[in-house]
Amino acid sequence: MLLALDAGNSNITVGVFDAQQLIMQWRLRTIHEQTADEWGILFRNLFALAGLQLDRIQGMAIASVVPPLEEPLRKMAQRYFSLEPLFLTHGIDLGISLRIDNPREAGADRLANAVAGFHLYGGPCVVVDLGTAINFDVVSAKGEFLGGIICPGIGMAAQGLFSKTARLPLVDFREPAQLIGANTVDCIQSGLYYSTVGAIDGIFERLVAELGPGTHCVATGGQAALVAKGSRFIKTVDEALTLEGLRLVWERNPRAVQAGG
């Protein structure tokens, strides 16, 4: 079994794979100060509730964009799973080539999305990941990661309206019942939703025009399904895409897996 961790700025998504099948998935809050033992106890409890045994995990793959988490997670893997985790970086075998100015700058989650998007859906492919930021990751028909586009996330927009105004409330992100809001909350929810969908579709329109009409448009992240309902371009929603990318990379790096096990 493989334990895959996508450590983002707001959440850590955790998946357990039995061969190629994702059999369990959790979404946890990112806590920067959490120690290796606290992570270990948390995973032990999650596994116990799911009826899984820690010793069945044969490998661990991590995509982290939060550097302070990496050493506690490494120590947790060593102490509680007796494993050396595989951290996804530009320097390992990804199965795609990187055609960007500085590969060191590419976030591990973006690389995982590019890998999974291309291998699962083909190229050219654009993955939009709706997380703390909204990332567009672009892969050519030849399997080349070309870079992408980074936009402020939905939560940033909602928090910005709340913190920079005197009377506007903080609201949940949801599909509005109607376009024209009849009260302040409805107005904000409509603005958040349609500005997000409009921005995403506008970017997709430009990317498809550049890459070609056969471009696959894939969405992932916690709000992906909600945004896809209003999008003209998103035809595929894969909420486990980043975890699938981690699995694919882990399978391509058997030496690293053996060294860790």
Protein backbone atom coordinates (compact mmCIF):
# COMPACT_ATOMS: atom_id res chain seq x y z
CA MET A 1 0.00 0.00 0.00
CA LEU A 2 1.00 3.60 -0.62
CA LEU A 3 0.31 6.57 1.63
CA ALA A 4 0.14 9.78 -0.45
CA LEU A 5 0.13 13.25 1.12
CA ASP A 6 -0.62 16.52 -0.67
CA ALA A 7 0.50 19.16 1.84
CA GLY A 8 -0.93 22.54 0.86
CA ASN A 9 -1.13 25.90 2.54
CA SER A 10 -4.68 25.42 3.83
CA ASN A 11 -5.24 21.65 3.80
CA ILE A 12 -3.40 18.35 3.67
CA THR A 13 -5.12 15.77 1.49
CA VAL A 14 -4.24 12.20 2.41
CA GLY A 15 -4.87 9.11 0.32
CA VAL A 16 -4.22 5.40 0.77
CA PHE A 17 -3.71 3.34 -2.39
CA ASP A 18 -3.97 -0.41 -2.63
CA ALA A 19 -2.13 -0.98 -5.92
CA GLN A 20 -3.81 1.54 -8.26
CA GLN A 21 -7.04 1.88 -6.29
CA LEU A 22 -7.60 4.80 -3.92
CA ILE A 23 -9.29 3.09 -0.99
CA MET A 24 -9.31 5.89 1.58
CA GLN A 25 -9.05 9.67 1.50
CA TRP A 26 -9.02 12.38 4.18
CA ARG A 27 -8.73 16.18 4.12
CA LEU A 28 -7.00 17.74 7.15
CA ARG A 29 -6.26 21.31 8.15
CA THR A 30 -2.64 22.37 7.64
CA ILE A 31 -1.13 23.07 11.06
CA HIS A 32 2.38 24.43 10.65
CA GLU A 33 3.40 23.86 14.28
CA GLN A 34 2.37 20.20 14.45
CA THR A 35 5.19 17.89 15.54
CA ALA A 36 6.22 14.54 14.09
CA ASP A 37 4.62 12.73 17.04
CA GLU A 38 1.38 14.68 16.69
CA TRP A 39 1.24 13.75 12.99
CA GLY A 40 2.00 10.14 13.89
CA ILE A 41 -0.74 9.95 16.50
CA LEU A 42 -3.20 11.54 14.06
CA PHE A 43 -2.41 9.00 11.34
CA ARG A 44 -2.53 6.13 13.81
CA ASN A 45 -6.03 7.21 14.87
CA LEU A 46 -7.21 7.70 11.28
CA PHE A 47 -5.94 4.26 10.31
CA ALA A 48 -7.55 2.65 13.35
CA LEU A 49 -10.93 4.22 12.55
CA ALA A 50 -10.64 3.01 8.94
CA GLY A 51 -9.60 -0.50 9.95
CA LEU A 52 -6.16 -0.17 8.31
CA GLN A 53 -2.83 -1.35 9.68
CA LEU A 54 0.16 0.99 9.69
CA ASP A 55 2.53 -1.86 8.81
CA ARG A 56 0.70 -2.47 5.52
CA ILE A 57 2.04 0.83 4.14
CA GLN A 58 5.02 -0.01 1.92
CA GLY A 59 5.77 3.49 0.67
CA MET A 60 4.98 7.13 1.26
CA ALA A 61 4.93 9.92 -1.35
CA ILE A 62 4.61 13.58 -0.38
CA ALA A 63 3.96 16.73 -2.40
CA SER A 64 4.59 19.70 -0.13
CA VAL A 65 4.44 23.43 -0.79
CA VAL A 66 4.91 24.22 2.92
CA PRO A 67 8.61 23.83 3.80
CA PRO A 68 8.11 23.86 7.63
CA LEU A 69 5.99 20.70 7.34
CA GLU A 70 8.56 18.64 5.49
CA GLU A 71 10.90 17.68 8.33
CA PRO A 72 8.08 16.75 10.78
CA LEU A 73 6.44 14.64 8.06
CA ARG A 74 9.76 12.97 7.26
CA LYS A 75 10.32 12.13 10.93
CA MET A 76 6.74 10.91 11.27
CA ALA A 77 7.26 8.54 8.32
CA GLN A 78 10.48 7.20 9.81
CA ARG A 79 9.17 6.83 13.35
CA TYR A 80 5.65 5.52 12.78
CA PHE A 81 5.88 3.78 9.39
CA SER A 82 9.60 2.82 9.31
CA LEU A 83 9.83 4.44 5.88
CA GLU A 84 11.85 7.12 4.16
CA PRO A 85 9.23 9.17 2.26
CA LEU A 86 9.60 10.11 -1.39
CA PHE A 87 9.23 13.88 -1.74
CA LEU A 88 8.07 14.92 -5.20
CA THR A 89 10.59 17.33 -6.72
CA HIS A 90 11.75 18.35 -10.18
CA GLY A 91 14.83 16.16 -9.74
CA ILE A 92 13.15 12.75 -9.83
CA ASP A 93 11.62 10.78 -12.72
CA LEU A 94 8.24 12.39 -13.38
CA GLY A 95 7.41 10.83 -16.74
CA ILE A 96 7.08 14.30 -18.27
CA SER A 97 9.72 16.86 -19.25
CA LEU A 98 9.89 20.35 -17.74
CA ARG A 99 10.03 23.23 -20.21
CA ILE A 100 10.08 26.08 -17.71
CA ASP A 101 12.73 28.65 -16.85
CA ASN A 102 13.54 27.35 -13.36
CA PRO A 103 12.25 23.85 -12.50
CA ARG A 104 13.11 24.45 -8.83
CA GLU A 105 10.30 27.01 -8.65
CA ALA A 106 7.57 24.60 -9.68
CA GLY A 107 5.37 23.58 -6.75
CA ALA A 108 5.23 19.86 -6.03
CA ASP A 109 1.44 19.89 -6.25
CA ARG A 110 1.59 21.48 -9.70
CA LEU A 111 4.03 18.83 -10.89
CA ALA A 112 1.79 16.07 -9.52
CA ASN A 113 -1.22 17.59 -11.31
CA ALA A 114 0.70 17.84 -14.57
CA VAL A 115 1.84 14.22 -14.32
CA ALA A 116 -1.64 12.90 -13.55
CA GLY A 117 -3.39 15.16 -16.05
CA PHE A 118 -1.18 14.02 -18.92
CA HIS A 119 -1.03 10.30 -18.07
CA LEU A 120 -4.71 9.93 -17.22
CA TYR A 121 -6.30 12.25 -19.78
CA GLY A 122 -3.69 12.83 -22.47
CA GLY A 123 -2.24 15.99 -23.94
CA PRO A 124 -2.47 18.79 -24.48
CA CYS A 125 -3.97 19.14 -21.05
CA VAL A 126 -4.71 22.00 -18.67
CA VAL A 127 -5.41 21.28 -15.01
CA VAL A 128 -7.03 23.98 -12.89
CA ASP A 129 -6.51 23.38 -9.17
CA LEU A 130 -8.82 25.38 -6.92
CA GLY A 131 -6.95 25.65 -3.66
CA THR A 132 -5.55 28.53 -1.62
CA ALA A 133 -4.52 29.88 -5.03
CA ILE A 134 -6.07 28.93 -8.37
CA ASN A 135 -3.36 27.24 -10.46
CA PHE A 136 -3.53 26.40 -14.15
CA ASP A 137 -0.94 23.77 -15.10
CA VAL A 138 -0.29 23.23 -18.80
CA VAL A 139 1.10 20.09 -20.45
CA SER A 140 1.74 19.83 -24.19
CA ALA A 141 0.73 16.98 -26.48
CA LYS A 142 4.34 15.74 -26.17
CA GLY A 143 4.19 15.52 -22.38
CA GLU A 144 6.05 18.77 -21.69
CA PHE A 145 5.14 20.81 -18.63
CA LEU A 146 5.02 24.32 -20.08
CA GLY A 147 4.20 26.22 -16.89
CA GLY A 148 0.87 27.88 -16.35
CA ILE A 149 -1.04 30.65 -14.61
CA ILE A 150 -1.48 31.43 -10.90
CA CYS A 151 -4.46 33.48 -9.66
CA PRO A 152 -5.72 34.49 -6.20
CA GLY A 153 -7.93 31.83 -4.66
CA ILE A 154 -11.61 32.00 -3.82
CA GLY A 155 -10.95 32.25 -0.10
CA MET A 156 -8.59 35.17 -0.68
CA ALA A 157 -11.29 37.05 -2.58
CA ALA A 158 -13.92 36.41 0.09
CA GLN A 159 -11.54 37.35 2.90
CA GLY A 160 -10.45 40.47 1.01
CA LEU A 161 -14.02 41.74 0.69
CA PHE A 162 -14.61 41.11 4.39
CA SER A 163 -11.37 42.58 5.72
CA LYS A 164 -11.17 45.63 3.46
CA THR A 165 -14.76 46.84 3.92
CA ALA A 166 -16.65 48.06 6.97
CA ARG A 167 -20.01 46.43 6.42
CA LEU A 168 -19.65 43.46 4.06
CA PRO A 169 -19.90 40.07 5.78
CA LEU A 170 -17.76 36.97 5.23
CA VAL A 171 -19.84 34.48 3.25
CA ASP A 172 -19.58 30.87 2.11
CA PHE A 173 -18.71 30.07 -1.49
CA ARG A 174 -21.71 28.46 -3.16
CA GLU A 175 -23.68 28.49 -6.39
CA PRO A 176 -26.19 31.35 -6.10
CA ALA A 177 -29.89 30.72 -6.56
CA GLN A 178 -30.06 33.58 -9.06
CA LEU A 179 -27.66 35.91 -10.81
CA ILE A 180 -29.00 39.16 -9.35
CA GLY A 181 -28.78 39.12 -5.56
CA ALA A 182 -31.67 40.63 -3.59
CA ASN A 183 -29.64 41.12 -0.41
CA THR A 184 -26.01 41.71 0.52
CA VAL A 185 -25.12 38.06 1.16
CA ASP A 186 -26.70 36.94 -2.12
CA CYS A 187 -24.91 39.74 -3.98
CA ILE A 188 -21.52 38.68 -2.60
CA GLN A 189 -22.11 34.98 -3.25
CA SER A 190 -23.16 35.72 -6.83
CA GLY A 191 -20.11 37.93 -7.32
CA LEU A 192 -17.70 35.35 -5.90
CA TYR A 193 -19.17 32.51 -7.92
CA TYR A 194 -19.54 34.17 -11.30
CA SER A 195 -16.28 36.11 -11.09
CA THR A 196 -14.49 32.82 -10.37
CA VAL A 197 -16.25 30.92 -13.17
CA GLY A 198 -15.81 33.83 -15.56
CA ALA A 199 -12.11 34.18 -14.82
CA ILE A 200 -11.50 30.44 -15.17
CA ASP A 201 -13.42 30.22 -18.44
CA GLY A 202 -11.69 33.31 -19.78
CA ILE A 203 -8.27 31.80 -19.10
CA PHE A 204 -9.30 28.42 -20.50
CA GLU A 205 -10.54 30.11 -23.66
CA ARG A 206 -7.15 31.70 -24.24
CA LEU A 207 -5.25 28.50 -23.40
CA VAL A 208 -7.37 26.33 -25.71
CA ALA A 209 -6.89 28.87 -28.51
CA GLU A 210 -3.12 28.54 -28.05
CA LEU A 211 -2.90 24.78 -27.46
CA GLY A 212 -5.60 23.62 -29.87
CA PRO A 213 -9.25 22.49 -29.78
CA GLY A 214 -8.33 19.02 -28.53
CA THR A 215 -7.09 20.36 -25.20
CA HIS A 216 -8.37 18.47 -22.16
CA CYS A 217 -9.65 20.79 -19.41
CA VAL A 218 -9.54 19.09 -15.99
CA ALA A 219 -10.45 20.57 -12.59
CA THR A 220 -9.36 19.45 -9.16
CA GLY A 221 -9.48 20.83 -5.64
CA GLY A 222 -12.18 21.26 -3.03
CA GLN A 223 -14.37 23.63 -5.07
CA ALA A 224 -13.81 21.97 -8.45
CA ALA A 225 -17.22 20.30 -8.79
CA LEU A 226 -19.08 23.47 -7.82
CA VAL A 227 -17.17 25.65 -10.29
CA ALA A 228 -17.46 23.05 -13.06
CA LYS A 229 -21.28 23.31 -12.91
CA GLY A 230 -21.07 26.85 -14.27
CA SER A 231 -18.06 26.41 -16.57
CA ARG A 232 -18.20 26.15 -20.35
CA PHE A 233 -14.81 24.44 -20.56
CA ILE A 234 -14.42 22.07 -17.60
CA LYS A 235 -15.69 18.65 -18.66
CA THR A 236 -13.73 16.52 -16.19
CA VAL A 237 -13.57 16.88 -12.40
CA ASP A 238 -11.05 14.69 -10.60
CA GLU A 239 -10.78 15.58 -6.92
CA ALA A 240 -8.08 12.94 -6.37
CA LEU A 241 -5.88 14.11 -9.26
CA THR A 242 -2.95 15.30 -7.13
CA LEU A 243 -2.93 12.05 -5.16
CA GLU A 244 -3.01 10.10 -8.43
CA GLY A 245 -0.01 12.09 -9.60
CA LEU A 246 1.85 11.12 -6.44
CA ARG A 247 1.01 7.47 -7.05
CA LEU A 248 2.26 7.64 -10.64
CA VAL A 249 5.52 9.30 -9.61
CA TRP A 250 6.05 6.80 -6.79
CA GLU A 251 5.60 3.91 -9.24
CA ARG A 252 8.19 5.47 -11.60
CA ASN A 253 10.84 5.69 -8.89
CA PRO A 254 11.32 2.11 -7.64
CA ARG A 255 14.89 2.73 -6.48
CA ALA A 256 13.76 5.55 -4.24
CA VAL A 257 10.96 3.32 -2.94
CA GLN A 258 13.37 0.49 -2.20
CA ALA A 259 15.78 2.86 -0.49
CA GLY A 260 12.96 4.14 1.70
CA GLY A 261 11.55 0.73 2.57
